[in-house]
PDB file of N, CA and C in Angstrom:
ATOM      1  N   UNK A   1      94.174  85.280 139.833  1.00  0.00           N
ATOM      2  CA  UNK A   1      93.066  85.895 139.652  1.00  0.00           C
ATOM      3  C   UNK A   1      92.429  87.119 137.601  1.00  0.00           C
ATOM      4  N   UNK A   2      92.846  88.640 138.390  1.00  0.00           N
ATOM      5  CA  UNK A   2      92.745  88.736 137.495  1.00  0.00           C
ATOM      6  C   UNK A   2      93.046  88.148 135.492  1.00  0.00           C
ATOM      7  N   UNK A   3      94.355  87.679 136.107  1.00  0.00           N
ATOM      8  CA  UNK A   3      94.612  87.181 134.525  1.00  0.00           C
ATOM      9  C   UNK A   3      93.751  86.062 134.101  1.00  0.00           C
ATOM     10  N   UNK A   4      92.843  85.083 135.001  1.00  0.00           N
ATOM     11  CA  UNK A   4      92.443  84.188 135.002  1.00  0.00           C
ATOM     12  C   UNK A   4      90.650  84.943 134.222  1.00  0.00           C
ATOM     13  N   UNK A   5      90.757  86.276 134.705  1.00  0.00           N
ATOM     14  CA  UNK A   5      88.863  86.619 133.827  1.00  0.00           C
ATOM     15  C   UNK A   5      90.023  87.386 133.092  1.00  0.00           C
ATOM     16  N   UNK A   6      90.584  87.828 133.016  1.00  0.00           N
ATOM     17  CA  UNK A   6      91.412  88.307 131.332  1.00  0.00           C
ATOM     18  C   UNK A   6      91.184  87.056 130.126  1.00  0.00           C
ATOM     19  N   UNK A   7      91.536  85.921 130.391  1.00  0.00           N
ATOM     20  CA  UNK A   7      91.937  84.658 129.574  1.00  0.00           C
ATOM     21  C   UNK A   7      90.421  84.432 129.516  1.00  0.00           C
ATOM     22  N   UNK A   8      89.438  84.649 129.995  1.00  0.00           N
ATOM     23  CA  UNK A   8      87.992  83.932 130.107  1.00  0.00           C
ATOM     24  C   UNK A   8      88.050  84.647 129.249  1.00  0.00           C
ATOM     25  N   UNK A   9      88.358  86.015 129.018  1.00  0.00           N
ATOM     26  CA  UNK A   9      87.303  86.960 128.407  1.00  0.00           C
ATOM     27  C   UNK A   9      87.741  86.774 126.887  1.00  0.00           C
ATOM     28  N   UNK A  10      88.996  86.531 126.543  1.00  0.00           N
ATOM     29  CA  UNK A  10      89.464  86.949 125.471  1.00  0.00           C
ATOM     30  C   UNK A  10      88.790  85.675 124.780  1.00  0.00           C
ATOM     31  N   UNK A  11      89.214  84.543 125.494  1.00  0.00           N
ATOM     32  CA  UNK A  11      88.496  83.475 125.343  1.00  0.00           C
ATOM     33  C   UNK A  11      86.986  83.050 124.581  1.00  0.00           C
ATOM     34  N   UNK A  12      86.124  84.031 125.327  1.00  0.00           N
ATOM     35  CA  UNK A  12      84.294  83.833 125.186  1.00  0.00           C
ATOM     36  C   UNK A  12      84.903  85.228 123.748  1.00  0.00           C
ATOM     37  N   UNK A  13      85.592  86.030 123.831  1.00  0.00           N
ATOM     38  CA  UNK A  13      85.275  86.890 122.495  1.00  0.00           C
ATOM     39  C   UNK A  13      86.319  86.368 121.360  1.00  0.00           C
ATOM     40  N   UNK A  14      87.446  85.241 121.460  1.00  0.00           N
ATOM     41  CA  UNK A  14      87.471  84.181 120.236  1.00  0.00           C
ATOM     42  C   UNK A  14      86.391  83.370 120.190  1.00  0.00           C
ATOM     43  N   UNK A  15      85.809  82.303 120.963  1.00  0.00           N
ATOM     44  CA  UNK A  15      85.280  81.662 120.349  1.00  0.00           C
ATOM     45  C   UNK A  15      83.268  81.670 120.159  1.00  0.00           C
ATOM     46  N   UNK A  16      82.936  83.415 120.032  1.00  0.00           N
ATOM     47  CA  UNK A  16      81.951  84.119 120.036  1.00  0.00           C
ATOM     48  C   UNK A  16      82.336  84.649 118.285  1.00  0.00           C
ATOM     49  N   UNK A  17      83.178  84.393 118.002  1.00  0.00           N
ATOM     50  CA  UNK A  17      83.331  85.553 116.806  1.00  0.00           C
ATOM     51  C   UNK A  17      83.230  84.693 115.177  1.00  0.00           C
ATOM     52  N   UNK A  18      82.476  84.910 114.536  1.00  0.00           N
ATOM     53  CA  UNK A  18      81.837  83.892 113.735  1.00  0.00           C
ATOM     54  C   UNK A  18      82.979  84.211 111.811  1.00  0.00           C
ATOM     55  N   UNK A  19      83.328  83.006 111.784  1.00  0.00           N
ATOM     56  CA  UNK A  19      84.340  83.597 110.339  1.00  0.00           C
ATOM     57  C   UNK A  19      86.031  83.415 110.755  1.00  0.00           C
ATOM     58  N   UNK A  20      86.662  83.797 110.278  1.00  0.00           N
ATOM     59  CA  UNK A  20      88.093  84.440 109.782  1.00  0.00           C
ATOM     60  C   UNK A  20      88.348  85.619 110.177  1.00  0.00           C
ATOM     61  N   UNK A  21      88.824  85.340 110.312  1.00  0.00           N
ATOM     62  CA  UNK A  21      89.643  87.316 110.348  1.00  0.00           C
ATOM     63  C   UNK A  21      90.583  88.170 109.742  1.00  0.00           C
ATOM     64  N   UNK A  22      90.543  87.289 109.210  1.00  0.00           N
ATOM     65  CA  UNK A  22      91.033  87.649 107.565  1.00  0.00           C
ATOM     66  C   UNK A  22      89.954  87.256 106.537  1.00  0.00           C
ATOM     67  N   UNK A  23      88.966  87.841 105.764  1.00  0.00           N
ATOM     68  CA  UNK A  23      88.308  87.605 104.308  1.00  0.00           C
ATOM     69  C   UNK A  23      88.701  86.546 103.402  1.00  0.00           C
ATOM     70  N   UNK A  24      88.136  85.554 103.266  1.00  0.00           N
ATOM     71  CA  UNK A  24      88.509  84.711 101.653  1.00  0.00           C
ATOM     72  C   UNK A  24      87.856  85.179 100.947  1.00  0.00           C
ATOM     73  N   UNK A  25      87.523  87.198 100.278  1.00  0.00           N
ATOM     74  CA  UNK A  25      87.145  86.774  99.183  1.00  0.00           C
ATOM     75  C   UNK A  25      87.457  89.184  99.295  1.00  0.00           C
ATOM     76  N   UNK A  26      87.330  89.078  98.246  1.00  0.00           N
ATOM     77  CA  UNK A  26      88.253  90.137  98.071  1.00  0.00           C
ATOM     78  C   UNK A  26      87.394  91.235  98.090  1.00  0.00           C
ATOM     79  N   UNK A  27      87.668  92.270  98.441  1.00  0.00           N
ATOM     80  CA  UNK A  27      86.843  93.870  98.730  1.00  0.00           C
ATOM     81  C   UNK A  27      86.209  93.929  97.524  1.00  0.00           C
ATOM     82  N   UNK A  28      86.661  94.258  96.008  1.00  0.00           N
ATOM     83  CA  UNK A  28      86.401  94.932  95.647  1.00  0.00           C
ATOM     84  C   UNK A  28      85.196  94.437  95.021  1.00  0.00           C
ATOM     85  N   UNK A  29      84.197  95.045  94.558  1.00  0.00           N
ATOM     86  CA  UNK A  29      83.068  93.952  93.595  1.00  0.00           C
ATOM     87  C   UNK A  29      83.364  93.186  91.974  1.00  0.00           C
ATOM     88  N   UNK A  30      83.905  93.646  91.839  1.00  0.00           N
ATOM     89  CA  UNK A  30      84.706  92.750  89.644  1.00  0.00           C
ATOM     90  C   UNK A  30      85.095  91.666  91.235  1.00  0.00           C
ATOM     91  N   UNK A  31      85.564  92.272  91.514  1.00  0.00           N
ATOM     92  CA  UNK A  31      87.234  90.889  91.919  1.00  0.00           C
ATOM     93  C   UNK A  31      85.908  89.653  92.389  1.00  0.00           C
ATOM     94  N   UNK A  32      85.360  90.277  93.453  1.00  0.00           N
ATOM     95  CA  UNK A  32      84.562  89.367  94.208  1.00  0.00           C
ATOM     96  C   UNK A  32      83.515  88.190  93.935  1.00  0.00           C
ATOM     97  N   UNK A  33      83.326  89.113  92.290  1.00  0.00           N
ATOM     98  CA  UNK A  33      82.489  88.478  91.637  1.00  0.00           C
ATOM     99  C   UNK A  33      82.415  87.361  91.143  1.00  0.00           C
ATOM    100  N   UNK A  34      83.896  87.742  90.261  1.00  0.00           N
ATOM    101  CA  UNK A  34      84.808  86.595  89.446  1.00  0.00           C
ATOM    102  C   UNK A  34      85.406  85.442  90.635  1.00  0.00           C
ATOM    103  N   UNK A  35      86.080  86.023  91.431  1.00  0.00           N
ATOM    104  CA  UNK A  35      85.894  84.862  92.627  1.00  0.00           C
ATOM    105  C   UNK A  35      85.322  84.427  93.059  1.00  0.00           C
ATOM    106  N   UNK A  36      83.630  84.453  93.571  1.00  0.00           N
ATOM    107  CA  UNK A  36      82.376  83.615  93.533  1.00  0.00           C
ATOM    108  C   UNK A  36      81.949  82.797  92.421  1.00  0.00           C
ATOM    109  N   UNK A  37      82.461  83.140  91.219  1.00  0.00           N
ATOM    110  CA  UNK A  37      81.826  81.811  90.165  1.00  0.00           C
ATOM    111  C   UNK A  37      82.747  80.814  90.224  1.00  0.00           C
ATOM    112  N   UNK A  38      83.764  82.049  90.011  1.00  0.00           N
ATOM    113  CA  UNK A  38      85.226  80.744  89.893  1.00  0.00           C
ATOM    114  C   UNK A  38      85.201  78.807  91.088  1.00  0.00           C
ATOM    115  N   UNK A  39      84.353  80.468  92.190  1.00  0.00           N
ATOM    116  CA  UNK A  39      84.242  79.133  93.438  1.00  0.00           C
ATOM    117  C   UNK A  39      82.531  78.201  93.230  1.00  0.00           C
ATOM    118  N   UNK A  40      81.447  78.822  92.894  1.00  0.00           N
ATOM    119  CA  UNK A  40      81.114  77.911  92.301  1.00  0.00           C
ATOM    120  C   UNK A  40      81.057  77.082  91.397  1.00  0.00           C
ATOM    121  N   UNK A  41      82.189  77.669  90.064  1.00  0.00           N
ATOM    122  CA  UNK A  41      82.019  76.600  88.729  1.00  0.00           C
ATOM    123  C   UNK A  41      83.390  75.392  89.536  1.00  0.00           C
ATOM    124  N   UNK A  42      83.869  75.387  90.290  1.00  0.00           N
ATOM    125  CA  UNK A  42      84.633  74.758  91.282  1.00  0.00           C
ATOM    126  C   UNK A  42      83.585  73.247  91.908  1.00  0.00           C
ATOM    127  N   UNK A  43      82.610  74.189  92.767  1.00  0.00           N
ATOM    128  CA  UNK A  43      81.958  73.285  94.096  1.00  0.00           C
ATOM    129  C   UNK A  43      81.142  72.095  92.280  1.00  0.00           C
ATOM    130  N   UNK A  44      80.856  72.289  91.207  1.00  0.00           N
ATOM    131  CA  UNK A  44      79.915  72.041  90.693  1.00  0.00           C
ATOM    132  C   UNK A  44      80.310  71.369  89.790  1.00  0.00           C
ATOM    133  N   UNK A  45      81.641  71.675  89.130  1.00  0.00           N
ATOM    134  CA  UNK A  45      83.078  70.024  88.686  1.00  0.00           C
ATOM    135  C   UNK A  45      82.808  69.174  89.896  1.00  0.00           C
ATOM    136  N   UNK A  46      82.746  68.762  91.467  1.00  0.00           N
ATOM    137  CA  UNK A  46      82.828  68.475  92.093  1.00  0.00           C
ATOM    138  C   UNK A  46      82.316  67.012  92.107  1.00  0.00           C
ATOM    139  N   UNK A  47      81.176  67.119  91.486  1.00  0.00           N
ATOM    140  CA  UNK A  47      80.591  65.908  91.446  1.00  0.00           C
ATOM    141  C   UNK A  47      81.365  65.203  89.837  1.00  0.00           C
ATOM    142  N   UNK A  48      81.226  65.451  89.045  1.00  0.00           N
ATOM    143  CA  UNK A  48      81.745  64.898  87.721  1.00  0.00           C
ATOM    144  C   UNK A  48      83.356  64.386  88.215  1.00  0.00           C
ATOM    145  N   UNK A  49      84.087  64.835  88.881  1.00  0.00           N
ATOM    146  CA  UNK A  49      85.362  64.537  90.011  1.00  0.00           C
ATOM    147  C   UNK A  49      84.925  63.239  90.129  1.00  0.00           C
ATOM    148  N   UNK A  50      84.211  63.649  91.304  1.00  0.00           N
ATOM    149  CA  UNK A  50      84.085  62.367  91.806  1.00  0.00           C
ATOM    150  C   UNK A  50      83.557  61.230  91.378  1.00  0.00           C
ATOM    151  N   UNK A  51      82.856  61.436  90.589  1.00  0.00           N
ATOM    152  CA  UNK A  51      82.878  59.813  89.662  1.00  0.00           C
ATOM    153  C   UNK A  51      83.445  60.119  88.414  1.00  0.00           C
ATOM    154  N   UNK A  52      84.567  60.399  88.060  1.00  0.00           N
ATOM    155  CA  UNK A  52      85.711  59.810  86.968  1.00  0.00           C
ATOM    156  C   UNK A  52      86.091  59.440  87.854  1.00  0.00           C
ATOM    157  N   UNK A  53      86.606  59.885  89.307  1.00  0.00           N
ATOM    158  CA  UNK A  53      87.453  59.214  90.060  1.00  0.00           C
ATOM    159  C   UNK A  53      86.758  58.043  90.319  1.00  0.00           C
ATOM    160  N   UNK A  54      85.664  57.206  91.085  1.00  0.00           N
ATOM    161  CA  UNK A  54      85.230  56.378  91.467  1.00  0.00           C
ATOM    162  C   UNK A  54      85.062  55.642  89.651  1.00  0.00           C
ATOM    163  N   UNK A  55      84.448  56.078  88.954  1.00  0.00           N
ATOM    164  CA  UNK A  55      84.593  55.124  87.333  1.00  0.00           C
ATOM    165  C   UNK A  55      83.200  54.982  86.952  1.00  0.00           C
ATOM    166  N   UNK A  56      82.134  56.329  87.946  1.00  0.00           N
ATOM    167  CA  UNK A  56      80.904  56.140  87.837  1.00  0.00           C
ATOM    168  C   UNK A  56      80.429  56.591  86.229  1.00  0.00           C
ATOM    169  N   UNK A  57      81.138  57.039  86.248  1.00  0.00           N
ATOM    170  CA  UNK A  57      81.156  57.849  84.519  1.00  0.00           C
ATOM    171  C   UNK A  57      80.860  56.468  83.204  1.00  0.00           C
ATOM    172  N   UNK A  58      81.810  55.740  83.529  1.00  0.00           N
ATOM    173  CA  UNK A  58      81.957  54.838  83.031  1.00  0.00           C
ATOM    174  C   UNK A  58      80.680  53.700  82.446  1.00  0.00           C
ATOM    175  N   UNK A  59      80.114  52.657  81.709  1.00  0.00           N
ATOM    176  CA  UNK A  59      79.165  52.212  81.143  1.00  0.00           C
ATOM    177  C   UNK A  59      79.755  50.833  81.433  1.00  0.00           C
ATOM    178  N   UNK A  60      78.728  50.789  82.310  1.00  0.00           N
ATOM    179  CA  UNK A  60      79.062  48.707  82.889  1.00  0.00           C
ATOM    180  C   UNK A  60      78.876  48.065  81.805  1.00  0.00           C
ATOM    181  N   UNK A  61      80.458  47.308  82.159  1.00  0.00           N
ATOM    182  CA  UNK A  61      80.311  45.464  81.774  1.00  0.00           C
ATOM    183  C   UNK A  61      79.429  44.787  81.951  1.00  0.00           C
ATOM    184  N   UNK A  62      78.895  44.921  83.248  1.00  0.00           N
ATOM    185  CA  UNK A  62      78.173  44.213  83.860  1.00  0.00           C
ATOM    186  C   UNK A  62      77.061  43.438  82.969  1.00  0.00           C
ATOM    187  N   UNK A  63      76.150  42.383  82.628  1.00  0.00           N
ATOM    188  CA  UNK A  63      74.847  42.135  82.023  1.00  0.00           C
ATOM    189  C   UNK A  63      73.808  42.028  83.322  1.00  0.00           C
ATOM    190  N   UNK A  64      72.994  43.029  82.403  1.00  0.00           N
ATOM    191  CA  UNK A  64      72.012  42.282  84.024  1.00  0.00           C
ATOM    192  C   UNK A  64      71.187  40.828  83.760  1.00  0.00           C
ATOM    193  N   UNK A  65      71.138  40.528  83.140  1.00  0.00           N
ATOM    194  CA  UNK A  65      71.003  38.789  82.929  1.00  0.00           C
ATOM    195  C   UNK A  65      72.391  38.156  82.883  1.00  0.00           C
ATOM    196  N   UNK A  66      71.927  36.945  83.036  1.00  0.00           N
ATOM    197  CA  UNK A  66      73.408  35.638  82.495  1.00  0.00           C
ATOM    198  C   UNK A  66      72.906  34.985  80.904  1.00  0.00           C
ATOM    199  N   UNK A  67      74.266  35.131  80.876  1.00  0.00           N
ATOM    200  CA  UNK A  67      73.723  34.857  79.372  1.00  0.00           C
ATOM    201  C   UNK A  67      75.054  33.067  78.921  1.00  0.00           C
ATOM    202  N   UNK A  68      74.259  32.045  78.195  1.00  0.00           N
ATOM    203  CA  UNK A  68      75.525  31.170  78.749  1.00  0.00           C
ATOM    204  C   UNK A  68      76.797  31.066  77.890  1.00  0.00           C
ATOM    205  N   UNK A  69      77.012  31.987  76.573  1.00  0.00           N
ATOM    206  CA  UNK A  69      78.439  32.464  76.063  1.00  0.00           C
ATOM    207  C   UNK A  69      78.927  30.994  75.653  1.00  0.00           C
ATOM    208  N   UNK A  70      78.215  29.951  75.512  1.00  0.00           N
ATOM    209  CA  UNK A  70      78.694  29.469  74.619  1.00  0.00           C
ATOM    210  C   UNK A  70      78.069  28.857  73.126  1.00  0.00           C
ATOM    211  N   UNK A  71      78.183  28.508  71.903  1.00  0.00           N
ATOM    212  CA  UNK A  71      77.576  27.956  70.926  1.00  0.00           C
ATOM    213  C   UNK A  71      76.461  27.559  70.938  1.00  0.00           C
ATOM    214  N   UNK A  72      75.049  28.136  70.540  1.00  0.00           N
ATOM    215  CA  UNK A  72      73.995  27.065  71.206  1.00  0.00           C
ATOM    216  C   UNK A  72      73.382  26.158  69.374  1.00  0.00           C
TER     217      UNK A  72
END
C-alpha cells in the first residue's frame, strides 16, 4: 500500500510538471537572444519551405480559359 501511494504521488508530480526538466534555451541572456532569433527565423522560413516543396511558388502552367490551340 505504501508503494502504491508513493508511485501515485510520484506520478502526480511528474504529470503536473509543465515543460521539460532541461531548459531548451541557454541561461545567458545574449546566447538565449541569439537562439530565439534563430528559432523565430526558422519558423518564419517554414512557409517558404513548404511552398517550395509542394511547388506552390512556381507559376501556374494552366490557362484560366480554354484555347483552341490550332491555326485559325
